[in-house]
Amino acid sequence: MESRLNCWEYKNCGLGPDGHRISEMGLCPTASEHKLHGVHNGDKAGRACWVVAGTYCGGVVQGKFAQKYNTCANCDFYQKVLEEEGSKFQLTLNLMKRLRES
């Protein structure tokens, strides 16, 4: 299996595990969301960041899903995951259901 980048690696934001900006801004929620671990072969929610509320994309908290999805759908990382996963791409609605499960 080809190695796939997580969002914090692709964006080089420094807010993923062991990131150089964690002390400044905290760990991004994608790097601690266990319910999406393994989705699209990512670590935690690192390859499903568009469904996680409160991400720090662009250095600014992006808010809830409804507030950020249009921006995320046009993001180069989202497009990359969509292309890399092809027919194995997991639909956003299914990922959101996984987040709601306890």
PDB file of N, CA and C in Angstrom:
ATOM      1  N   MET A   1       0.847  -1.191   0.000  1.00  0.00           N
ATOM      2  CA  MET A   1       0.000   0.000   0.000  1.00  0.00           C
ATOM      3  C   MET A   1       0.883   1.242   0.000  1.00  0.00           C
ATOM      4  N   GLU A   2       0.606   2.100  -0.927  1.00  0.00           N
ATOM      5  CA  GLU A   2       1.321   3.362  -1.049  1.00  0.00           C
ATOM      6  C   GLU A   2       1.035   4.240   0.173  1.00  0.00           C
ATOM      7  N   SER A   3       2.057   4.914   0.664  1.00  0.00           N
ATOM      8  CA  SER A   3       1.895   5.803   1.808  1.00  0.00           C
ATOM      9  C   SER A   3       1.051   7.008   1.407  1.00  0.00           C
ATOM     10  N   ARG A   4       0.099   7.336   2.234  1.00  0.00           N
ATOM     11  CA  ARG A   4      -0.790   8.474   1.977  1.00  0.00           C
ATOM     12  C   ARG A   4      -0.537   9.539   3.031  1.00  0.00           C
ATOM     13  N   LEU A   5      -0.487  10.774   2.608  1.00  0.00           N
ATOM     14  CA  LEU A   5      -0.257  11.872   3.539  1.00  0.00           C
ATOM     15  C   LEU A   5      -1.527  12.212   4.299  1.00  0.00           C
ATOM     16  N   ASN A   6      -1.356  12.582   5.567  1.00  0.00           N
ATOM     17  CA  ASN A   6      -2.437  13.144   6.358  1.00  0.00           C
ATOM     18  C   ASN A   6      -2.461  14.644   6.103  1.00  0.00           C
ATOM     19  N   CYS A   7      -3.570  15.292   6.444  1.00  0.00           N
ATOM     20  CA  CYS A   7      -3.711  16.718   6.144  1.00  0.00           C
ATOM     21  C   CYS A   7      -2.597  17.551   6.767  1.00  0.00           C
ATOM     22  N   TRP A   8      -2.214  17.242   8.013  1.00  0.00           N
ATOM     23  CA  TRP A   8      -1.184  18.047   8.676  1.00  0.00           C
ATOM     24  C   TRP A   8       0.181  17.882   8.021  1.00  0.00           C
ATOM     25  N   GLU A   9       0.398  16.740   7.371  1.00  0.00           N
ATOM     26  CA  GLU A   9       1.649  16.530   6.630  1.00  0.00           C
ATOM     27  C   GLU A   9       1.593  17.261   5.287  1.00  0.00           C
ATOM     28  N   TYR A  10       0.485  17.135   4.608  1.00  0.00           N
ATOM     29  CA  TYR A  10       0.316  17.768   3.300  1.00  0.00           C
ATOM     30  C   TYR A  10       0.361  19.291   3.415  1.00  0.00           C
ATOM     31  N   LYS A  11      -0.337  19.825   4.419  1.00  0.00           N
ATOM     32  CA  LYS A  11      -0.412  21.278   4.613  1.00  0.00           C
ATOM     33  C   LYS A  11       0.773  21.830   5.401  1.00  0.00           C
ATOM     34  N   ASN A  12       1.534  20.936   6.047  1.00  0.00           N
ATOM     35  CA  ASN A  12       2.691  21.339   6.855  1.00  0.00           C
ATOM     36  C   ASN A  12       2.322  22.436   7.859  1.00  0.00           C
ATOM     37  N   CYS A  13       1.216  22.213   8.557  1.00  0.00           N
ATOM     38  CA  CYS A  13       0.696  23.228   9.477  1.00  0.00           C
ATOM     39  C   CYS A  13       1.376  23.211  10.843  1.00  0.00           C
ATOM     40  N   GLY A  14       2.022  22.094  11.191  1.00  0.00           N
ATOM     41  CA  GLY A  14       2.665  22.002  12.497  1.00  0.00           C
ATOM     42  C   GLY A  14       1.710  21.710  13.637  1.00  0.00           C
ATOM     43  N   LEU A  15       0.465  21.319  13.325  1.00  0.00           N
ATOM     44  CA  LEU A  15      -0.530  21.071  14.366  1.00  0.00           C
ATOM     45  C   LEU A  15      -0.947  19.607  14.464  1.00  0.00           C
ATOM     46  N   GLY A  16      -0.220  18.750  13.755  1.00  0.00           N
ATOM     47  CA  GLY A  16      -0.437  17.313  13.862  1.00  0.00           C
ATOM     48  C   GLY A  16       0.392  16.761  15.008  1.00  0.00           C
ATOM     49  N   PRO A  17       0.394  15.440  15.196  1.00  0.00           N
ATOM     50  CA  PRO A  17       1.195  14.841  16.268  1.00  0.00           C
ATOM     51  C   PRO A  17       2.649  15.303  16.184  1.00  0.00           C
ATOM     52  N   ASP A  18       3.201  15.686  17.296  1.00  0.00           N
ATOM     53  CA  ASP A  18       4.587  16.171  17.378  1.00  0.00           C
ATOM     54  C   ASP A  18       4.827  17.428  16.543  1.00  0.00           C
ATOM     55  N   GLY A  19       3.783  18.165  16.233  1.00  0.00           N
ATOM     56  CA  GLY A  19       3.916  19.375  15.425  1.00  0.00           C
ATOM     57  C   GLY A  19       4.638  20.497  16.152  1.00  0.00           C
ATOM     58  N   HIS A  20       5.336  21.308  15.390  1.00  0.00           N
ATOM     59  CA  HIS A  20       6.137  22.393  15.964  1.00  0.00           C
ATOM     60  C   HIS A  20       5.296  23.583  16.438  1.00  0.00           C
ATOM     61  N   ARG A  21       3.985  23.610  16.137  1.00  0.00           N
ATOM     62  CA  ARG A  21       3.132  24.730  16.559  1.00  0.00           C
ATOM     63  C   ARG A  21       2.091  24.339  17.607  1.00  0.00           C
ATOM     64  N   ILE A  22       2.178  23.120  18.121  1.00  0.00           N
ATOM     65  CA  ILE A  22       1.190  22.660  19.104  1.00  0.00           C
ATOM     66  C   ILE A  22       1.206  23.523  20.362  1.00  0.00           C
ATOM     67  N   SER A  23       2.382  23.922  20.826  1.00  0.00           N
ATOM     68  CA  SER A  23       2.451  24.739  22.046  1.00  0.00           C
ATOM     69  C   SER A  23       1.800  26.106  21.836  1.00  0.00           C
ATOM     70  N   GLU A  24       1.770  26.560  20.612  1.00  0.00           N
ATOM     71  CA  GLU A  24       1.193  27.861  20.270  1.00  0.00           C
ATOM     72  C   GLU A  24      -0.327  27.791  20.083  1.00  0.00           C
ATOM     73  N   MET A  25      -0.812  26.757  19.381  1.00  0.00           N
ATOM     74  CA  MET A  25      -2.229  26.690  19.018  1.00  0.00           C
ATOM     75  C   MET A  25      -2.954  25.448  19.518  1.00  0.00           C
ATOM     76  N   GLY A  26      -2.212  24.463  19.991  1.00  0.00           N
ATOM     77  CA  GLY A  26      -2.820  23.210  20.419  1.00  0.00           C
ATOM     78  C   GLY A  26      -2.861  22.199  19.291  1.00  0.00           C
ATOM     79  N   LEU A  27      -3.141  20.977  19.634  1.00  0.00           N
ATOM     80  CA  LEU A  27      -3.235  19.886  18.667  1.00  0.00           C
ATOM     81  C   LEU A  27      -4.526  20.038  17.864  1.00  0.00           C
ATOM     82  N   CYS A  28      -4.429  19.935  16.564  1.00  0.00           N
ATOM     83  CA  CYS A  28      -5.618  20.025  15.714  1.00  0.00           C
ATOM     84  C   CYS A  28      -6.541  18.839  16.012  1.00  0.00           C
ATOM     85  N   PRO A  29      -7.850  19.061  16.028  1.00  0.00           N
ATOM     86  CA  PRO A  29      -8.791  17.971  16.303  1.00  0.00           C
ATOM     87  C   PRO A  29      -8.651  16.765  15.372  1.00  0.00           C
ATOM     88  N   THR A  30      -8.171  16.964  14.163  1.00  0.00           N
ATOM     89  CA  THR A  30      -8.004  15.828  13.256  1.00  0.00           C
ATOM     90  C   THR A  30      -6.974  14.841  13.781  1.00  0.00           C
ATOM     91  N   ALA A  31      -5.993  15.345  14.502  1.00  0.00           N
ATOM     92  CA  ALA A  31      -4.897  14.506  14.988  1.00  0.00           C
ATOM     93  C   ALA A  31      -5.265  13.713  16.237  1.00  0.00           C
ATOM     94  N   SER A  32      -6.465  13.940  16.766  1.00  0.00           N
ATOM     95  CA  SER A  32      -6.877  13.191  17.956  1.00  0.00           C
ATOM     96  C   SER A  32      -8.231  12.495  17.782  1.00  0.00           C
ATOM     97  N   GLU A  33      -8.820  12.579  16.612  1.00  0.00           N
ATOM     98  CA  GLU A  33     -10.141  11.985  16.370  1.00  0.00           C
ATOM     99  C   GLU A  33     -10.018  10.505  16.015  1.00  0.00           C
ATOM    100  N   HIS A  34     -10.154   9.660  17.040  1.00  0.00           N
ATOM    101  CA  HIS A  34      -9.968   8.212  16.881  1.00  0.00           C
ATOM    102  C   HIS A  34     -11.081   7.530  16.088  1.00  0.00           C
ATOM    103  N   LYS A  35     -12.268   8.098  16.069  1.00  0.00           N
ATOM    104  CA  LYS A  35     -13.388   7.452  15.382  1.00  0.00           C
ATOM    105  C   LYS A  35     -13.178   7.363  13.871  1.00  0.00           C
ATOM    106  N   LEU A  36     -12.292   8.178  13.337  1.00  0.00           N
ATOM    107  CA  LEU A  36     -12.033   8.155  11.894  1.00  0.00           C
ATOM    108  C   LEU A  36     -10.657   7.588  11.570  1.00  0.00           C
ATOM    109  N   HIS A  37     -10.028   6.972  12.570  1.00  0.00           N
ATOM    110  CA  HIS A  37      -8.705   6.385  12.340  1.00  0.00           C
ATOM    111  C   HIS A  37      -8.790   5.311  11.257  1.00  0.00           C
ATOM    112  N   GLY A  38      -7.921   5.408  10.283  1.00  0.00           N
ATOM    113  CA  GLY A  38      -7.880   4.433   9.205  1.00  0.00           C
ATOM    114  C   GLY A  38      -8.701   4.804   7.979  1.00  0.00           C
ATOM    115  N   VAL A  39      -9.564   5.810   8.097  1.00  0.00           N
ATOM    116  CA  VAL A  39     -10.344   6.244   6.940  1.00  0.00           C
ATOM    117  C   VAL A  39      -9.391   6.737   5.859  1.00  0.00           C
ATOM    118  N   HIS A  40      -9.559   6.229   4.676  1.00  0.00           N
ATOM    119  CA  HIS A  40      -8.693   6.565   3.529  1.00  0.00           C
ATOM    120  C   HIS A  40      -7.226   6.300   3.863  1.00  0.00           C
ATOM    121  N   ASN A  41      -6.980   5.314   4.728  1.00  0.00           N
ATOM    122  CA  ASN A  41      -5.630   4.925   5.166  1.00  0.00           C
ATOM    123  C   ASN A  41      -4.908   6.038   5.909  1.00  0.00           C
ATOM    124  N   GLY A  42      -5.657   6.859   6.613  1.00  0.00           N
ATOM    125  CA  GLY A  42      -5.062   7.963   7.363  1.00  0.00           C
ATOM    126  C   GLY A  42      -4.900   7.659   8.838  1.00  0.00           C
ATOM    127  N   ASP A  43      -4.106   8.486   9.491  1.00  0.00           N
ATOM    128  CA  ASP A  43      -3.909   8.423  10.936  1.00  0.00           C
ATOM    129  C   ASP A  43      -4.944   9.331  11.586  1.00  0.00           C
ATOM    130  N   LYS A  44      -5.689   8.797  12.546  1.00  0.00           N
ATOM    131  CA  LYS A  44      -6.801   9.513  13.178  1.00  0.00           C
ATOM    132  C   LYS A  44      -7.713  10.037  12.056  1.00  0.00           C
ATOM    133  N   ALA A  45      -8.053  11.326  12.042  1.00  0.00           N
ATOM    134  CA  ALA A  45      -8.909  11.867  10.969  1.00  0.00           C
ATOM    135  C   ALA A  45      -8.081  12.621   9.934  1.00  0.00           C
ATOM    136  N   GLY A  46      -6.827  12.264   9.819  1.00  0.00           N
ATOM    137  CA  GLY A  46      -5.906  12.984   8.943  1.00  0.00           C
ATOM    138  C   GLY A  46      -6.221  12.935   7.466  1.00  0.00           C
ATOM    139  N   ARG A  47      -7.108  12.022   7.062  1.00  0.00           N
ATOM    140  CA  ARG A  47      -7.524  11.984   5.656  1.00  0.00           C
ATOM    141  C   ARG A  47      -9.049  12.085   5.546  1.00  0.00           C
ATOM    142  N   ALA A  48      -9.643  12.729   6.562  1.00  0.00           N
ATOM    143  CA  ALA A  48     -11.079  13.013   6.560  1.00  0.00           C
ATOM    144  C   ALA A  48     -11.340  14.308   7.328  1.00  0.00           C
ATOM    145  N   CYS A  49     -10.414  15.230   7.241  1.00  0.00           N
ATOM    146  CA  CYS A  49     -10.452  16.461   8.033  1.00  0.00           C
ATOM    147  C   CYS A  49     -11.683  17.318   7.760  1.00  0.00           C
ATOM    148  N   TRP A  50     -12.276  17.204   6.577  1.00  0.00           N
ATOM    149  CA  TRP A  50     -13.417  18.030   6.202  1.00  0.00           C
ATOM    150  C   TRP A  50     -14.660  17.752   7.021  1.00  0.00           C
ATOM    151  N   VAL A  51     -14.731  16.644   7.738  1.00  0.00           N
ATOM    152  CA  VAL A  51     -15.913  16.364   8.560  1.00  0.00           C
ATOM    153  C   VAL A  51     -15.679  16.652  10.042  1.00  0.00           C
ATOM    154  N   VAL A  52     -14.487  17.081  10.400  1.00  0.00           N
ATOM    155  CA  VAL A  52     -14.143  17.328  11.801  1.00  0.00           C
ATOM    156  C   VAL A  52     -14.312  18.814  12.120  1.00  0.00           C
ATOM    157  N   ALA A  53     -15.107  19.103  13.138  1.00  0.00           N
ATOM    158  CA  ALA A  53     -15.321  20.487  13.556  1.00  0.00           C
ATOM    159  C   ALA A  53     -14.080  21.040  14.252  1.00  0.00           C
ATOM    160  N   GLY A  54     -13.854  22.319  14.076  1.00  0.00           N
ATOM    161  CA  GLY A  54     -12.793  23.007  14.807  1.00  0.00           C
ATOM    162  C   GLY A  54     -11.391  22.806  14.286  1.00  0.00           C
ATOM    163  N   THR A  55     -11.250  22.389  13.032  1.00  0.00           N
ATOM    164  CA  THR A  55      -9.907  22.229  12.469  1.00  0.00           C
ATOM    165  C   THR A  55      -9.246  23.596  12.315  1.00  0.00           C
ATOM    166  N   TYR A  56      -7.925  23.597  12.205  1.00  0.00           N
ATOM    167  CA  TYR A  56      -7.161  24.844  12.148  1.00  0.00           C
ATOM    168  C   TYR A  56      -6.631  25.154  10.758  1.00  0.00           C
ATOM    169  N   CYS A  57      -7.279  24.695   9.741  1.00  0.00           N
ATOM    170  CA  CYS A  57      -6.773  24.896   8.387  1.00  0.00           C
ATOM    171  C   CYS A  57      -6.573  26.384   8.103  1.00  0.00           C
ATOM    172  N   GLY A  58      -5.412  26.703   7.599  1.00  0.00           N
ATOM    173  CA  GLY A  58      -5.084  28.097   7.319  1.00  0.00           C
ATOM    174  C   GLY A  58      -4.729  28.884   8.563  1.00  0.00           C
ATOM    175  N   GLY A  59      -4.535  28.179   9.688  1.00  0.00           N
ATOM    176  CA  GLY A  59      -4.165  28.848  10.932  1.00  0.00           C
ATOM    177  C   GLY A  59      -5.332  29.483  11.664  1.00  0.00           C
ATOM    178  N   VAL A  60      -6.550  29.217  11.186  1.00  0.00           N
ATOM    179  CA  VAL A  60      -7.754  29.789  11.784  1.00  0.00           C
ATOM    180  C   VAL A  60      -8.732  28.653  12.064  1.00  0.00           C
ATOM    181  N   VAL A  61      -9.389  28.691  13.223  1.00  0.00           N
ATOM    182  CA  VAL A  61     -10.379  27.662  13.535  1.00  0.00           C
ATOM    183  C   VAL A  61     -11.499  27.747  12.506  1.00  0.00           C
ATOM    184  N   GLN A  62     -11.811  26.613  11.903  1.00  0.00           N
ATOM    185  CA  GLN A  62     -12.773  26.579  10.805  1.00  0.00           C
ATOM    186  C   GLN A  62     -14.222  26.372  11.228  1.00  0.00           C
ATOM    187  N   GLY A  63     -14.487  26.047  12.476  1.00  0.00           N
ATOM    188  CA  GLY A  63     -15.862  25.919  12.940  1.00  0.00           C
ATOM    189  C   GLY A  63     -16.490  24.572  12.646  1.00  0.00           C
ATOM    190  N   LYS A  64     -17.814  24.560  12.699  1.00  0.00           N
ATOM    191  CA  LYS A  64     -18.588  23.332  12.509  1.00  0.00           C
ATOM    192  C   LYS A  64     -18.646  22.953  11.033  1.00  0.00           C
ATOM    193  N   PHE A  65     -19.046  21.708  10.803  1.00  0.00           N
ATOM    194  CA  PHE A  65     -19.111  21.167   9.446  1.00  0.00           C
ATOM    195  C   PHE A  65     -19.881  22.082   8.498  1.00  0.00           C
ATOM    196  N   ALA A  66     -21.067  22.509   8.888  1.00  0.00           N
ATOM    197  CA  ALA A  66     -21.906  23.326   8.005  1.00  0.00           C
ATOM    198  C   ALA A  66     -21.232  24.644   7.645  1.00  0.00           C
ATOM    199  N   GLN A  67     -20.397  25.155   8.531  1.00  0.00           N
ATOM    200  CA  GLN A  67     -19.712  26.421   8.285  1.00  0.00           C
ATOM    201  C   GLN A  67     -18.500  26.263   7.383  1.00  0.00           C
ATOM    202  N   LYS A  68     -17.921  25.097   7.346  1.00  0.00           N
ATOM    203  CA  LYS A  68     -16.646  24.940   6.657  1.00  0.00           C
ATOM    204  C   LYS A  68     -16.678  24.069   5.411  1.00  0.00           C
ATOM    205  N   TYR A  69     -17.737  23.316   5.186  1.00  0.00           N
ATOM    206  CA  TYR A  69     -17.701  22.313   4.135  1.00  0.00           C
ATOM    207  C   TYR A  69     -17.448  22.882   2.745  1.00  0.00           C
ATOM    208  N   ASN A  70     -18.045  23.998   2.387  1.00  0.00           N
ATOM    209  CA  ASN A  70     -17.814  24.558   1.047  1.00  0.00           C
ATOM    210  C   ASN A  70     -16.348  24.882   0.833  1.00  0.00           C
ATOM    211  N   THR A  71     -15.703  25.426   1.850  1.00  0.00           N
ATOM    212  CA  THR A  71     -14.270  25.708   1.757  1.00  0.00           C
ATOM    213  C   THR A  71     -13.500  24.405   1.613  1.00  0.00           C
ATOM    214  N   CYS A  72     -13.848  23.421   2.419  1.00  0.00           N
ATOM    215  CA  CYS A  72     -13.151  22.132   2.393  1.00  0.00           C
ATOM    216  C   CYS A  72     -13.325  21.418   1.054  1.00  0.00           C
ATOM    217  N   ALA A  73     -14.517  21.468   0.495  1.00  0.00           N
ATOM    218  CA  ALA A  73     -14.777  20.777  -0.771  1.00  0.00           C
ATOM    219  C   ALA A  73     -13.932  21.333  -1.911  1.00  0.00           C
ATOM    220  N   ASN A  74     -13.475  22.558  -1.775  1.00  0.00           N
ATOM    221  CA  ASN A  74     -12.617  23.174  -2.790  1.00  0.00           C
ATOM    222  C   ASN A  74     -11.138  23.124  -2.423  1.00  0.00           C
ATOM    223  N   CYS A  75     -10.822  22.523  -1.292  1.00  0.00           N
ATOM    224  CA  CYS A  75      -9.440  22.450  -0.802  1.00  0.00           C
ATOM    225  C   CYS A  75      -8.610  21.486  -1.651  1.00  0.00           C
ATOM    226  N   ASP A  76      -7.362  21.842  -1.886  1.00  0.00           N
ATOM    227  CA  ASP A  76      -6.482  20.981  -2.674  1.00  0.00           C
ATOM    228  C   ASP A  76      -6.251  19.631  -1.998  1.00  0.00           C
ATOM    229  N   PHE A  77      -6.230  19.589  -0.668  1.00  0.00           N
ATOM    230  CA  PHE A  77      -6.039  18.314   0.021  1.00  0.00           C
ATOM    231  C   PHE A  77      -7.264  17.411  -0.149  1.00  0.00           C
ATOM    232  N   TYR A  78      -8.446  17.960   0.011  1.00  0.00           N
ATOM    233  CA  TYR A  78      -9.681  17.192  -0.204  1.00  0.00           C
ATOM    234  C   TYR A  78      -9.694  16.618  -1.621  1.00  0.00           C
ATOM    235  N   GLN A  79      -9.370  17.436  -2.593  1.00  0.00           N
ATOM    236  CA  GLN A  79      -9.344  16.991  -3.987  1.00  0.00           C
ATOM    237  C   GLN A  79      -8.314  15.879  -4.191  1.00  0.00           C
ATOM    238  N   LYS A  80      -7.174  15.988  -3.496  1.00  0.00           N
ATOM    239  CA  LYS A  80      -6.121  14.970  -3.588  1.00  0.00           C
ATOM    240  C   LYS A  80      -6.618  13.631  -3.031  1.00  0.00           C
ATOM    241  N   VAL A  81      -7.257  13.664  -1.861  1.00  0.00           N
ATOM    242  CA  VAL A  81      -7.790  12.437  -1.255  1.00  0.00           C
ATOM    243  C   VAL A  81      -8.859  11.832  -2.168  1.00  0.00           C
ATOM    244  N   LEU A  82      -9.736  12.656  -2.681  1.00  0.00           N
ATOM    245  CA  LEU A  82     -10.785  12.196  -3.586  1.00  0.00           C
ATOM    246  C   LEU A  82     -10.183  11.488  -4.800  1.00  0.00           C
ATOM    247  N   GLU A  83      -9.155  12.076  -5.370  1.00  0.00           N
ATOM    248  CA  GLU A  83      -8.487  11.483  -6.534  1.00  0.00           C
ATOM    249  C   GLU A  83      -7.745  10.196  -6.165  1.00  0.00           C
ATOM    250  N   GLU A  84      -7.005  10.224  -5.051  1.00  0.00           N
ATOM    251  CA  GLU A  84      -6.230   9.049  -4.642  1.00  0.00           C
ATOM    252  C   GLU A  84      -7.118   7.860  -4.294  1.00  0.00           C
ATOM    253  N   GLU A  85      -8.240   8.117  -3.656  1.00  0.00           N
ATOM    254  CA  GLU A  85      -9.114   7.031  -3.205  1.00  0.00           C
ATOM    255  C   GLU A  85     -10.033   6.520  -4.306  1.00  0.00           C
ATOM    256  N   GLY A  86     -10.353   7.356  -5.265  1.00  0.00           N
ATOM    257  CA  GLY A  86     -11.218   6.931  -6.366  1.00  0.00           C
ATOM    258  C   GLY A  86     -12.515   6.317  -5.872  1.00  0.00           C
ATOM    259  N   SER A  87     -12.828   5.116  -6.321  1.00  0.00           N
ATOM    260  CA  SER A  87     -14.082   4.453  -5.949  1.00  0.00           C
ATOM    261  C   SER A  87     -14.119   4.036  -4.478  1.00  0.00           C
ATOM    262  N   LYS A  88     -12.991   4.075  -3.799  1.00  0.00           N
ATOM    263  CA  LYS A  88     -12.939   3.720  -2.374  1.00  0.00           C
ATOM    264  C   LYS A  88     -13.149   4.936  -1.470  1.00  0.00           C
ATOM    265  N   PHE A  89     -13.368   6.107  -2.060  1.00  0.00           N
ATOM    266  CA  PHE A  89     -13.597   7.324  -1.281  1.00  0.00           C
ATOM    267  C   PHE A  89     -14.861   7.161  -0.450  1.00  0.00           C
ATOM    268  N   GLN A  90     -14.742   7.407   0.852  1.00  0.00           N
ATOM    269  CA  GLN A  90     -15.882   7.252   1.753  1.00  0.00           C
ATOM    270  C   GLN A  90     -16.679   8.549   1.787  1.00  0.00           C
ATOM    271  N   LEU A  91     -17.958   8.425   1.559  1.00  0.00           N
ATOM    272  CA  LEU A  91     -18.827   9.588   1.480  1.00  0.00           C
ATOM    273  C   LEU A  91     -18.891  10.336   2.804  1.00  0.00           C
ATOM    274  N   THR A  92     -19.004  11.642   2.694  1.00  0.00           N
ATOM    275  CA  THR A  92     -19.024  12.524   3.855  1.00  0.00           C
ATOM    276  C   THR A  92     -20.130  12.146   4.833  1.00  0.00           C
ATOM    277  N   LEU A  93     -21.312  11.831   4.339  1.00  0.00           N
ATOM    278  CA  LEU A  93     -22.429  11.458   5.211  1.00  0.00           C
ATOM    279  C   LEU A  93     -22.082  10.238   6.057  1.00  0.00           C
ATOM    280  N   ASN A  94     -21.432   9.246   5.469  1.00  0.00           N
ATOM    281  CA  ASN A  94     -21.035   8.049   6.214  1.00  0.00           C
ATOM    282  C   ASN A  94     -19.983   8.374   7.267  1.00  0.00           C
ATOM    283  N   LEU A  95     -19.071   9.275   6.947  1.00  0.00           N
ATOM    284  CA  LEU A  95     -18.045   9.671   7.920  1.00  0.00           C
ATOM    285  C   LEU A  95     -18.677  10.418   9.090  1.00  0.00           C
ATOM    286  N   MET A  96     -19.645  11.252   8.800  1.00  0.00           N
ATOM    287  CA  MET A  96     -20.330  11.985   9.872  1.00  0.00           C
ATOM    288  C   MET A  96     -21.087  11.029  10.789  1.00  0.00           C
ATOM    289  N   LYS A  97     -21.668   9.983  10.220  1.00  0.00           N
ATOM    290  CA  LYS A  97     -22.351   8.972  11.038  1.00  0.00           C
ATOM    291  C   LYS A  97     -21.360   8.296  11.981  1.00  0.00           C
ATOM    292  N   ARG A  98     -20.166   8.009  11.485  1.00  0.00           N
ATOM    293  CA  ARG A  98     -19.133   7.397  12.340  1.00  0.00           C
ATOM    294  C   ARG A  98     -18.769   8.315  13.500  1.00  0.00           C
ATOM    295  N   LEU A  99     -18.716   9.610  13.244  1.00  0.00           N
ATOM    296  CA  LEU A  99     -18.392  10.559  14.310  1.00  0.00           C
ATOM    297  C   LEU A  99     -19.464  10.578  15.395  1.00  0.00           C
ATOM    298  N   ARG A 100     -20.712  10.362  15.013  1.00  0.00           N
ATOM    299  CA  ARG A 100     -21.811  10.400  15.979  1.00  0.00           C
ATOM    300  C   ARG A 100     -21.911   9.139  16.826  1.00  0.00           C
ATOM    301  N   GLU A 101     -21.322   8.040  16.342  1.00  0.00           N
ATOM    302  CA  GLU A 101     -21.377   6.782  17.095  1.00  0.00           C
ATOM    303  C   GLU A 101     -20.530   6.889  18.351  1.00  0.00           C
ATOM    304  N   SER A 102     -21.038   6.257  19.428  1.00  0.00           N
ATOM    305  CA  SER A 102     -20.243   6.309  20.664  1.00  0.00           C
ATOM    306  C   SER A 102     -19.378   5.100  20.832  1.00  0.00           C
TER     307      SER A 102
END
